[in-house]
Amino acid sequence: MKKVSFTAIVLSLFLLTSFTVTQDKLVSKSTHISFYSHTSVEDIVANNYKVVSTLETTTGNIVYSVPMQSFEFEKSLMQKHYNSKKFLDTKTYPKAKFIGTITNLESIDFTKDGSYNATVTGKLTIKDQTNPINEKAIITVTGGKVSLDTKMNLTLSDYGVVFSDGKPSENIAKELEVTVKAVYGN
């Protein structure tokens, strides 16, 4: 009986320590991504609070998974156009994904409060079109919490969103300003 109890305790401890989330892999389950575009007709703003991201502090690997239908617009017609087959076809392409690396990881101390300049490189896939990304970001460490903020411009045609003529081509900017704010926990 004692042998069975001892074995059960050792096995339980092994399982608990084997599957504990480590400090080097941080997760953000409510990353905020917004985009903004300006045309002479109107400005368009959309927000998505359902983005999931992971950040590995020992390797600098970073991943964002973006549910495309979770972008919210001020006007329902904008949302309808955004999700349509003519624009992002979010039924066929429900997720966008970024896989990259912080290339200057040695200059970031995840154990010390502060604000650090980071360079992130990787590949962004939207609508099965993948393009390289190389952007600056700010990583902030405060009381053990890590956040990452960045702004970038994306050209729609790089991701297969092209309008040659008609009303959509006049109302939609060719380039979007994208803002990312992730707060990681573990």
N, C-alpha and C. Protein backbone atom coordinates (compact mmCIF):
# COMPACT_ATOMS: atom_id res chain seq x y z
N MET A 1 0.83 -1.20 0.00
CA MET A 1 0.00 0.00 0.00
C MET A 1 0.87 1.26 0.00
N LYS A 2 1.92 1.23 0.88
CA LYS A 2 2.81 2.39 0.94
C LYS A 2 3.54 2.60 -0.38
N LYS A 3 3.90 1.48 -1.04
CA LYS A 3 4.60 1.56 -2.30
C LYS A 3 3.70 2.18 -3.37
N VAL A 4 2.42 1.83 -3.40
CA VAL A 4 1.48 2.38 -4.36
C VAL A 4 1.27 3.87 -4.10
N SER A 5 1.12 4.26 -2.83
CA SER A 5 0.93 5.67 -2.47
C SER A 5 2.16 6.50 -2.85
N PHE A 6 3.34 5.98 -2.55
CA PHE A 6 4.57 6.69 -2.88
C PHE A 6 4.69 6.87 -4.39
N THR A 7 4.40 5.82 -5.14
CA THR A 7 4.46 5.88 -6.60
C THR A 7 3.46 6.90 -7.14
N ALA A 8 2.26 6.92 -6.57
CA ALA A 8 1.24 7.89 -7.01
C ALA A 8 1.68 9.32 -6.73
N ILE A 9 2.29 9.56 -5.59
CA ILE A 9 2.77 10.92 -5.24
C ILE A 9 3.88 11.34 -6.20
N VAL A 10 4.83 10.46 -6.44
CA VAL A 10 5.95 10.78 -7.33
C VAL A 10 5.42 11.05 -8.75
N LEU A 11 4.50 10.20 -9.20
CA LEU A 11 3.92 10.39 -10.54
C LEU A 11 3.16 11.71 -10.62
N SER A 12 2.40 12.06 -9.59
CA SER A 12 1.65 13.32 -9.56
C SER A 12 2.59 14.52 -9.62
N LEU A 13 3.66 14.48 -8.82
CA LEU A 13 4.62 15.59 -8.84
C LEU A 13 5.29 15.72 -10.21
N PHE A 14 5.63 14.59 -10.81
CA PHE A 14 6.23 14.61 -12.13
C PHE A 14 5.29 15.25 -13.14
N LEU A 15 4.03 14.85 -13.14
CA LEU A 15 3.06 15.39 -14.08
C LEU A 15 2.84 16.89 -13.85
N LEU A 16 2.76 17.30 -12.60
CA LEU A 16 2.55 18.73 -12.31
C LEU A 16 3.70 19.57 -12.79
N THR A 17 4.93 19.12 -12.57
CA THR A 17 6.08 19.92 -12.98
C THR A 17 6.33 19.83 -14.47
N SER A 18 5.95 18.72 -15.09
CA SER A 18 6.18 18.56 -16.52
C SER A 18 5.29 19.45 -17.37
N PHE A 19 4.09 19.77 -16.89
CA PHE A 19 3.14 20.52 -17.69
C PHE A 19 2.88 21.92 -17.17
N THR A 20 3.71 22.41 -16.28
CA THR A 20 3.57 23.77 -15.78
C THR A 20 4.06 24.74 -16.86
N VAL A 21 3.34 25.82 -17.07
CA VAL A 21 3.75 26.84 -18.03
C VAL A 21 5.03 27.50 -17.50
N THR A 22 6.02 27.60 -18.34
CA THR A 22 7.28 28.19 -17.91
C THR A 22 7.25 29.70 -18.10
N GLN A 23 8.13 30.36 -17.38
CA GLN A 23 8.22 31.83 -17.44
C GLN A 23 8.67 32.32 -18.82
N ASP A 24 9.34 31.46 -19.60
CA ASP A 24 9.86 31.94 -20.87
C ASP A 24 8.83 31.96 -21.99
N LYS A 25 7.66 31.38 -21.80
CA LYS A 25 6.61 31.44 -22.83
C LYS A 25 5.43 32.22 -22.25
N LEU A 26 5.22 33.39 -22.80
CA LEU A 26 4.15 34.27 -22.34
C LEU A 26 3.01 34.24 -23.35
N VAL A 27 1.79 34.40 -22.84
CA VAL A 27 0.61 34.34 -23.70
C VAL A 27 -0.24 35.59 -23.49
N SER A 28 -0.76 36.12 -24.58
CA SER A 28 -1.73 37.21 -24.55
C SER A 28 -2.98 36.70 -25.25
N LYS A 29 -4.07 36.60 -24.50
CA LYS A 29 -5.33 36.09 -25.08
C LYS A 29 -6.27 37.21 -25.50
N SER A 30 -5.88 38.44 -25.29
CA SER A 30 -6.75 39.55 -25.70
C SER A 30 -5.93 40.69 -26.30
N THR A 31 -5.04 40.33 -27.19
CA THR A 31 -4.26 41.33 -27.91
C THR A 31 -5.22 42.21 -28.71
N HIS A 32 -4.94 43.50 -28.71
CA HIS A 32 -5.78 44.45 -29.45
C HIS A 32 -5.06 44.85 -30.73
N ILE A 33 -5.71 44.59 -31.85
CA ILE A 33 -5.21 45.06 -33.14
C ILE A 33 -6.27 45.97 -33.73
N SER A 34 -5.83 47.15 -34.17
CA SER A 34 -6.75 48.06 -34.84
C SER A 34 -6.13 48.49 -36.15
N PHE A 35 -6.99 48.88 -37.07
CA PHE A 35 -6.46 49.48 -38.29
C PHE A 35 -7.26 50.72 -38.64
N TYR A 36 -6.57 51.58 -39.37
CA TYR A 36 -7.13 52.88 -39.74
C TYR A 36 -6.77 53.13 -41.19
N SER A 37 -7.76 53.61 -41.94
CA SER A 37 -7.48 54.06 -43.31
C SER A 37 -8.20 55.38 -43.55
N HIS A 38 -7.60 56.19 -44.38
CA HIS A 38 -8.15 57.51 -44.68
C HIS A 38 -8.32 57.66 -46.18
N THR A 39 -9.49 58.14 -46.57
CA THR A 39 -9.72 58.54 -47.96
C THR A 39 -10.46 59.87 -47.92
N SER A 40 -10.64 60.47 -49.07
CA SER A 40 -11.37 61.74 -49.12
C SER A 40 -12.84 61.55 -48.79
N VAL A 41 -13.35 60.33 -48.93
CA VAL A 41 -14.77 60.04 -48.66
C VAL A 41 -15.02 59.83 -47.17
N GLU A 42 -14.20 58.99 -46.52
CA GLU A 42 -14.40 58.72 -45.09
C GLU A 42 -13.18 58.02 -44.50
N ASP A 43 -13.09 58.08 -43.18
CA ASP A 43 -12.08 57.34 -42.45
C ASP A 43 -12.69 56.02 -41.99
N ILE A 44 -11.88 54.99 -41.98
CA ILE A 44 -12.35 53.68 -41.54
C ILE A 44 -11.47 53.23 -40.39
N VAL A 45 -12.12 52.83 -39.29
CA VAL A 45 -11.42 52.30 -38.12
C VAL A 45 -12.07 50.97 -37.76
N ALA A 46 -11.24 49.96 -37.45
CA ALA A 46 -11.74 48.67 -37.00
C ALA A 46 -10.88 48.18 -35.84
N ASN A 47 -11.52 47.50 -34.90
CA ASN A 47 -10.83 46.98 -33.72
C ASN A 47 -11.10 45.49 -33.56
N ASN A 48 -10.06 44.78 -33.10
CA ASN A 48 -10.17 43.35 -32.84
C ASN A 48 -9.50 43.07 -31.50
N TYR A 49 -10.28 42.57 -30.53
CA TYR A 49 -9.76 42.27 -29.20
C TYR A 49 -9.65 40.76 -28.95
N LYS A 50 -9.75 39.97 -29.99
CA LYS A 50 -9.75 38.51 -29.83
C LYS A 50 -8.50 37.84 -30.39
N VAL A 51 -7.45 38.59 -30.56
CA VAL A 51 -6.21 38.08 -31.11
C VAL A 51 -5.44 37.37 -30.00
N VAL A 52 -4.86 36.22 -30.32
CA VAL A 52 -4.04 35.47 -29.39
C VAL A 52 -2.59 35.57 -29.85
N SER A 53 -1.69 35.76 -28.88
CA SER A 53 -0.28 35.87 -29.21
C SER A 53 0.56 35.14 -28.17
N THR A 54 1.68 34.58 -28.63
CA THR A 54 2.66 34.00 -27.71
C THR A 54 4.00 34.68 -27.95
N LEU A 55 4.75 34.80 -26.87
CA LEU A 55 6.08 35.41 -26.91
C LEU A 55 7.00 34.55 -26.06
N GLU A 56 8.05 34.02 -26.68
CA GLU A 56 9.04 33.23 -25.95
C GLU A 56 10.23 34.14 -25.62
N THR A 57 10.40 34.40 -24.34
CA THR A 57 11.42 35.37 -23.93
C THR A 57 12.85 34.86 -24.09
N THR A 58 13.05 33.55 -24.17
CA THR A 58 14.41 33.02 -24.33
C THR A 58 14.85 32.95 -25.79
N THR A 59 13.88 32.83 -26.71
CA THR A 59 14.24 32.71 -28.13
C THR A 59 13.84 33.95 -28.93
N GLY A 60 12.89 34.73 -28.40
CA GLY A 60 12.38 35.89 -29.13
C GLY A 60 11.31 35.53 -30.14
N ASN A 61 10.92 34.25 -30.19
CA ASN A 61 9.87 33.84 -31.13
C ASN A 61 8.54 34.45 -30.71
N ILE A 62 7.81 34.96 -31.70
CA ILE A 62 6.54 35.61 -31.43
C ILE A 62 5.54 35.19 -32.51
N VAL A 63 4.31 34.91 -32.07
CA VAL A 63 3.26 34.47 -32.99
C VAL A 63 1.98 35.22 -32.67
N TYR A 64 1.28 35.65 -33.70
CA TYR A 64 -0.05 36.26 -33.56
C TYR A 64 -1.01 35.47 -34.42
N SER A 65 -2.15 35.10 -33.86
CA SER A 65 -3.23 34.46 -34.60
C SER A 65 -4.43 35.40 -34.54
N VAL A 66 -4.88 35.86 -35.72
CA VAL A 66 -5.88 36.92 -35.81
C VAL A 66 -7.17 36.38 -36.42
N PRO A 67 -8.25 36.25 -35.63
CA PRO A 67 -9.53 35.87 -36.22
C PRO A 67 -10.10 37.05 -37.00
N MET A 68 -10.14 36.94 -38.30
CA MET A 68 -10.46 38.06 -39.17
C MET A 68 -11.90 38.56 -39.04
N GLN A 69 -12.84 37.68 -38.70
CA GLN A 69 -14.23 38.11 -38.55
C GLN A 69 -14.47 38.84 -37.23
N SER A 70 -13.46 38.93 -36.38
CA SER A 70 -13.62 39.60 -35.08
C SER A 70 -13.32 41.10 -35.15
N PHE A 71 -12.98 41.62 -36.32
CA PHE A 71 -12.81 43.07 -36.44
C PHE A 71 -14.18 43.72 -36.38
N GLU A 72 -14.29 44.77 -35.57
CA GLU A 72 -15.56 45.48 -35.40
C GLU A 72 -15.42 46.89 -35.97
N PHE A 73 -16.45 47.30 -36.71
CA PHE A 73 -16.47 48.59 -37.39
C PHE A 73 -17.58 49.47 -36.82
N GLU A 74 -17.45 50.76 -37.04
CA GLU A 74 -18.47 51.71 -36.61
C GLU A 74 -19.78 51.50 -37.36
N LYS A 75 -19.67 51.20 -38.65
CA LYS A 75 -20.86 51.03 -39.49
C LYS A 75 -20.95 49.56 -39.93
N SER A 76 -22.16 49.01 -39.85
CA SER A 76 -22.35 47.61 -40.23
C SER A 76 -22.05 47.36 -41.71
N LEU A 77 -22.29 48.35 -42.55
CA LEU A 77 -21.99 48.19 -43.97
C LEU A 77 -20.48 48.03 -44.21
N MET A 78 -19.67 48.74 -43.43
CA MET A 78 -18.21 48.59 -43.54
C MET A 78 -17.82 47.16 -43.18
N GLN A 79 -18.41 46.64 -42.12
CA GLN A 79 -18.11 45.28 -41.69
C GLN A 79 -18.53 44.27 -42.76
N LYS A 80 -19.67 44.49 -43.37
CA LYS A 80 -20.15 43.61 -44.42
C LYS A 80 -19.19 43.61 -45.61
N HIS A 81 -18.76 44.78 -46.03
CA HIS A 81 -17.80 44.88 -47.15
C HIS A 81 -16.47 44.21 -46.80
N TYR A 82 -15.99 44.46 -45.59
CA TYR A 82 -14.71 43.91 -45.14
C TYR A 82 -14.72 42.38 -45.21
N ASN A 83 -15.81 41.76 -44.75
CA ASN A 83 -15.91 40.29 -44.72
C ASN A 83 -16.25 39.67 -46.07
N SER A 84 -16.67 40.48 -47.04
CA SER A 84 -17.15 39.96 -48.33
C SER A 84 -16.05 39.31 -49.16
N LYS A 85 -16.49 38.55 -50.17
CA LYS A 85 -15.56 37.88 -51.08
C LYS A 85 -14.72 38.88 -51.88
N LYS A 86 -15.26 40.08 -52.12
CA LYS A 86 -14.51 41.10 -52.88
C LYS A 86 -13.37 41.71 -52.07
N PHE A 87 -13.47 41.61 -50.74
CA PHE A 87 -12.45 42.26 -49.92
C PHE A 87 -11.57 41.21 -49.24
N LEU A 88 -11.86 40.81 -48.03
CA LEU A 88 -11.00 39.84 -47.34
C LEU A 88 -11.53 38.42 -47.32
N ASP A 89 -12.75 38.21 -47.75
CA ASP A 89 -13.32 36.87 -47.85
C ASP A 89 -13.01 36.07 -46.57
N THR A 90 -13.50 36.58 -45.46
CA THR A 90 -13.16 36.01 -44.15
C THR A 90 -13.76 34.63 -43.90
N LYS A 91 -14.74 34.22 -44.69
CA LYS A 91 -15.25 32.84 -44.56
C LYS A 91 -14.24 31.86 -45.14
N THR A 92 -13.64 32.21 -46.24
CA THR A 92 -12.63 31.35 -46.86
C THR A 92 -11.29 31.46 -46.13
N TYR A 93 -10.96 32.65 -45.66
CA TYR A 93 -9.69 32.91 -44.98
C TYR A 93 -9.97 33.46 -43.58
N PRO A 94 -10.37 32.61 -42.64
CA PRO A 94 -10.83 33.08 -41.33
C PRO A 94 -9.74 33.64 -40.41
N LYS A 95 -8.48 33.31 -40.68
CA LYS A 95 -7.40 33.78 -39.80
C LYS A 95 -6.26 34.39 -40.59
N ALA A 96 -5.66 35.38 -39.96
CA ALA A 96 -4.37 35.90 -40.42
C ALA A 96 -3.36 35.43 -39.39
N LYS A 97 -2.11 35.32 -39.80
CA LYS A 97 -1.10 34.83 -38.87
C LYS A 97 0.23 35.55 -39.09
N PHE A 98 0.86 35.90 -37.99
CA PHE A 98 2.22 36.45 -38.04
C PHE A 98 3.12 35.51 -37.25
N ILE A 99 4.22 35.10 -37.85
CA ILE A 99 5.23 34.28 -37.17
C ILE A 99 6.56 35.01 -37.34
N GLY A 100 7.18 35.36 -36.22
CA GLY A 100 8.42 36.12 -36.32
C GLY A 100 9.33 35.95 -35.12
N THR A 101 10.32 36.83 -35.08
CA THR A 101 11.35 36.78 -34.04
C THR A 101 11.77 38.20 -33.69
N ILE A 102 12.02 38.41 -32.41
CA ILE A 102 12.65 39.65 -31.96
C ILE A 102 14.13 39.49 -32.26
N THR A 103 14.66 40.30 -33.17
CA THR A 103 16.04 40.08 -33.63
C THR A 103 17.10 40.70 -32.71
N ASN A 104 16.70 41.62 -31.86
CA ASN A 104 17.67 42.22 -30.93
C ASN A 104 17.34 41.81 -29.49
N LEU A 105 17.06 40.54 -29.30
CA LEU A 105 16.64 40.00 -28.00
C LEU A 105 17.64 40.30 -26.89
N GLU A 106 18.92 40.35 -27.23
CA GLU A 106 19.96 40.58 -26.22
C GLU A 106 19.83 41.94 -25.54
N SER A 107 19.14 42.88 -26.14
CA SER A 107 19.00 44.21 -25.55
C SER A 107 17.72 44.37 -24.73
N ILE A 108 16.99 43.27 -24.52
CA ILE A 108 15.74 43.31 -23.76
C ILE A 108 15.88 42.44 -22.52
N ASP A 109 15.60 43.02 -21.36
CA ASP A 109 15.67 42.28 -20.10
C ASP A 109 14.24 42.10 -19.57
N PHE A 110 13.71 40.90 -19.78
CA PHE A 110 12.33 40.61 -19.38
C PHE A 110 12.16 40.51 -17.86
N THR A 111 13.28 40.53 -17.12
CA THR A 111 13.21 40.44 -15.66
C THR A 111 13.31 41.80 -14.98
N LYS A 112 13.54 42.84 -15.76
CA LYS A 112 13.76 44.17 -15.19
C LYS A 112 12.76 45.17 -15.78
N ASP A 113 12.09 45.91 -14.89
CA ASP A 113 11.15 46.94 -15.36
C ASP A 113 11.86 47.93 -16.27
N GLY A 114 11.18 48.28 -17.34
CA GLY A 114 11.75 49.25 -18.27
C GLY A 114 11.04 49.19 -19.61
N SER A 115 11.46 50.09 -20.49
CA SER A 115 10.92 50.15 -21.83
C SER A 115 12.07 49.88 -22.80
N TYR A 116 11.87 48.95 -23.71
CA TYR A 116 12.95 48.49 -24.59
C TYR A 116 12.52 48.60 -26.05
N ASN A 117 13.44 49.10 -26.88
CA ASN A 117 13.20 49.13 -28.32
C ASN A 117 13.49 47.74 -28.88
N ALA A 118 12.57 47.24 -29.69
CA ALA A 118 12.73 45.91 -30.27
C ALA A 118 12.57 45.99 -31.79
N THR A 119 13.24 45.09 -32.46
CA THR A 119 13.05 44.92 -33.90
C THR A 119 12.45 43.53 -34.10
N VAL A 120 11.32 43.49 -34.79
CA VAL A 120 10.62 42.22 -35.02
C VAL A 120 10.60 41.95 -36.52
N THR A 121 11.08 40.77 -36.89
CA THR A 121 11.03 40.36 -38.29
C THR A 121 10.27 39.04 -38.38
N GLY A 122 9.61 38.85 -39.50
CA GLY A 122 8.89 37.60 -39.68
C GLY A 122 8.06 37.64 -40.93
N LYS A 123 7.01 36.81 -40.93
CA LYS A 123 6.14 36.70 -42.10
C LYS A 123 4.69 36.84 -41.67
N LEU A 124 3.97 37.68 -42.39
CA LEU A 124 2.55 37.90 -42.15
C LEU A 124 1.77 37.27 -43.29
N THR A 125 0.77 36.45 -42.92
CA THR A 125 -0.07 35.80 -43.92
C THR A 125 -1.50 36.29 -43.75
N ILE A 126 -2.04 36.85 -44.82
CA ILE A 126 -3.44 37.26 -44.90
C ILE A 126 -3.96 36.75 -46.25
N LYS A 127 -5.10 36.09 -46.25
CA LYS A 127 -5.69 35.54 -47.48
C LYS A 127 -4.71 34.64 -48.24
N ASP A 128 -3.97 33.82 -47.53
CA ASP A 128 -2.98 32.92 -48.13
C ASP A 128 -1.87 33.64 -48.88
N GLN A 129 -1.71 34.93 -48.64
CA GLN A 129 -0.60 35.70 -49.23
C GLN A 129 0.35 36.02 -48.08
N THR A 130 1.60 35.62 -48.22
CA THR A 130 2.60 35.80 -47.17
C THR A 130 3.65 36.79 -47.62
N ASN A 131 3.94 37.76 -46.73
CA ASN A 131 4.95 38.77 -47.03
C ASN A 131 5.84 38.99 -45.81
N PRO A 132 7.09 39.38 -46.07
CA PRO A 132 8.00 39.66 -44.95
C PRO A 132 7.61 40.95 -44.24
N ILE A 133 7.83 40.96 -42.94
CA ILE A 133 7.57 42.13 -42.10
C ILE A 133 8.85 42.41 -41.31
N ASN A 134 9.22 43.66 -41.23
CA ASN A 134 10.36 44.09 -40.41
C ASN A 134 9.94 45.40 -39.77
N GLU A 135 9.60 45.37 -38.49
CA GLU A 135 9.05 46.54 -37.82
C GLU A 135 9.72 46.79 -36.48
N LYS A 136 9.64 48.02 -36.04
CA LYS A 136 10.09 48.41 -34.70
C LYS A 136 8.92 48.25 -33.74
N ALA A 137 9.24 47.90 -32.50
CA ALA A 137 8.22 47.75 -31.46
C ALA A 137 8.81 48.25 -30.15
N ILE A 138 7.93 48.54 -29.21
CA ILE A 138 8.34 48.89 -27.85
C ILE A 138 7.87 47.76 -26.94
N ILE A 139 8.79 47.17 -26.21
CA ILE A 139 8.45 46.17 -25.21
C ILE A 139 8.60 46.83 -23.86
N THR A 140 7.55 46.75 -23.05
CA THR A 140 7.55 47.37 -21.73
C THR A 140 7.38 46.27 -20.69
N VAL A 141 8.25 46.29 -19.68
CA VAL A 141 8.15 45.36 -18.56
C VAL A 141 7.82 46.19 -17.33
N THR A 142 6.70 45.83 -16.69
CA THR A 142 6.26 46.54 -15.49
C THR A 142 5.72 45.53 -14.49
N GLY A 143 6.39 45.39 -13.36
CA GLY A 143 5.92 44.49 -12.31
C GLY A 143 5.71 43.07 -12.79
N GLY A 144 6.56 42.58 -13.65
CA GLY A 144 6.45 41.22 -14.16
C GLY A 144 5.54 41.06 -15.36
N LYS A 145 4.78 42.08 -15.72
CA LYS A 145 3.93 42.04 -16.92
C LYS A 145 4.73 42.56 -18.11
N VAL A 146 4.52 41.95 -19.24
CA VAL A 146 5.22 42.33 -20.46
C VAL A 146 4.18 42.79 -21.49
N SER A 147 4.43 43.94 -22.10
CA SER A 147 3.55 44.39 -23.19
C SER A 147 4.40 44.73 -24.41
N LEU A 148 3.77 44.61 -25.57
CA LEU A 148 4.43 44.94 -26.82
C LEU A 148 3.50 45.85 -27.62
N ASP A 149 4.04 46.96 -28.08
CA ASP A 149 3.29 47.94 -28.88
C ASP A 149 4.04 48.19 -30.18
N THR A 150 3.29 48.23 -31.27
CA THR A 150 3.90 48.57 -32.55
C THR A 150 2.85 49.18 -33.48
N LYS A 151 3.34 49.90 -34.45
CA LYS A 151 2.51 50.47 -35.52
C LYS A 151 3.19 50.17 -36.83
N MET A 152 2.40 49.81 -37.83
CA MET A 152 2.98 49.52 -39.14
C MET A 152 1.98 49.87 -40.22
N ASN A 153 2.47 50.00 -41.41
CA ASN A 153 1.61 50.24 -42.58
C ASN A 153 1.61 49.00 -43.45
N LEU A 154 0.41 48.58 -43.87
CA LEU A 154 0.28 47.44 -44.77
C LEU A 154 -0.37 47.90 -46.07
N THR A 155 0.17 47.44 -47.17
CA THR A 155 -0.39 47.72 -48.49
C THR A 155 -1.35 46.60 -48.84
N LEU A 156 -2.61 46.95 -49.09
CA LEU A 156 -3.65 45.95 -49.33
C LEU A 156 -3.33 45.03 -50.51
N SER A 157 -2.78 45.57 -51.58
CA SER A 157 -2.50 44.76 -52.76
C SER A 157 -1.46 43.66 -52.48
N ASP A 158 -0.62 43.86 -51.47
CA ASP A 158 0.36 42.83 -51.09
C ASP A 158 -0.33 41.56 -50.58
N TYR A 159 -1.59 41.69 -50.19
CA TYR A 159 -2.35 40.58 -49.63
C TYR A 159 -3.57 40.23 -50.49
N GLY A 160 -3.51 40.57 -51.76
CA GLY A 160 -4.54 40.19 -52.71
C GLY A 160 -5.82 40.99 -52.63
N VAL A 161 -5.79 42.15 -52.00
CA VAL A 161 -6.97 43.01 -51.92
C VAL A 161 -6.76 44.16 -52.92
N VAL A 162 -7.40 44.03 -54.07
CA VAL A 162 -7.18 44.99 -55.15
C VAL A 162 -8.53 45.36 -55.78
N PHE A 163 -8.74 46.65 -55.94
CA PHE A 163 -9.92 47.16 -56.65
C PHE A 163 -9.43 48.01 -57.79
N SER A 164 -9.82 47.67 -59.00
CA SER A 164 -9.32 48.42 -60.16
C SER A 164 -10.18 49.64 -60.48
N ASP A 165 -11.48 49.54 -60.26
CA ASP A 165 -12.33 50.69 -60.55
C ASP A 165 -13.64 50.58 -59.77
N GLY A 166 -14.45 51.58 -59.89
CA GLY A 166 -15.74 51.57 -59.20
C GLY A 166 -15.66 52.18 -57.81
N LYS A 167 -16.79 52.14 -57.13
CA LYS A 167 -16.91 52.77 -55.83
C LYS A 167 -15.91 52.23 -54.78
N PRO A 168 -15.70 50.90 -54.67
CA PRO A 168 -14.75 50.46 -53.64
C PRO A 168 -13.36 51.05 -53.81
N SER A 169 -12.90 51.20 -55.06
CA SER A 169 -11.55 51.72 -55.26
C SER A 169 -11.41 53.17 -54.82
N GLU A 170 -12.52 53.91 -54.81
CA GLU A 170 -12.49 55.31 -54.38
C GLU A 170 -12.64 55.46 -52.87
N ASN A 171 -13.32 54.52 -52.22
CA ASN A 171 -13.62 54.63 -50.80
C ASN A 171 -12.64 53.93 -49.89
N ILE A 172 -11.75 53.15 -50.45
CA ILE A 172 -10.82 52.37 -49.63
C ILE A 172 -9.39 52.79 -49.94
N ALA A 173 -8.65 53.10 -48.89
CA ALA A 173 -7.25 53.48 -49.05
C ALA A 173 -6.44 52.29 -49.53
N LYS A 174 -5.37 52.54 -50.20
CA LYS A 174 -4.50 51.47 -50.69
C LYS A 174 -3.61 50.93 -49.57
N GLU A 175 -3.46 51.72 -48.50
CA GLU A 175 -2.59 51.35 -47.39
C GLU A 175 -3.34 51.55 -46.08
N LEU A 176 -3.11 50.66 -45.12
CA LEU A 176 -3.72 50.75 -43.80
C LEU A 176 -2.66 50.97 -42.75
N GLU A 177 -3.00 51.75 -41.73
CA GLU A 177 -2.13 51.87 -40.56
C GLU A 177 -2.64 50.87 -39.52
N VAL A 178 -1.78 49.95 -39.11
CA VAL A 178 -2.14 48.89 -38.17
C VAL A 178 -1.43 49.13 -36.85
N THR A 179 -2.19 49.08 -35.76
CA THR A 179 -1.64 49.25 -34.41
C THR A 179 -1.86 47.97 -33.63
N VAL A 180 -0.79 47.50 -32.96
CA VAL A 180 -0.85 46.26 -32.19
C VAL A 180 -0.49 46.57 -30.74
N LYS A 181 -1.31 46.07 -29.80
CA LYS A 181 -1.04 46.22 -28.37
C LYS A 181 -1.30 44.87 -27.71
N ALA A 182 -0.25 44.21 -27.27
CA ALA A 182 -0.37 42.91 -26.60
C ALA A 182 0.13 43.02 -25.17
N VAL A 183 -0.62 42.48 -24.24
CA VAL A 183 -0.20 42.40 -22.83
C VAL A 183 -0.13 40.94 -22.49
N TYR A 184 1.08 40.50 -22.11
CA TYR A 184 1.34 39.08 -21.88
C TYR A 184 1.32 38.74 -20.39
N GLY A 185 0.82 37.55 -20.11
CA GLY A 185 0.89 36.95 -18.79
C GLY A 185 1.41 35.54 -19.00
N ASN A 186 1.49 34.78 -17.93
CA ASN A 186 1.93 33.38 -18.14
C ASN A 186 1.06 32.44 -17.37
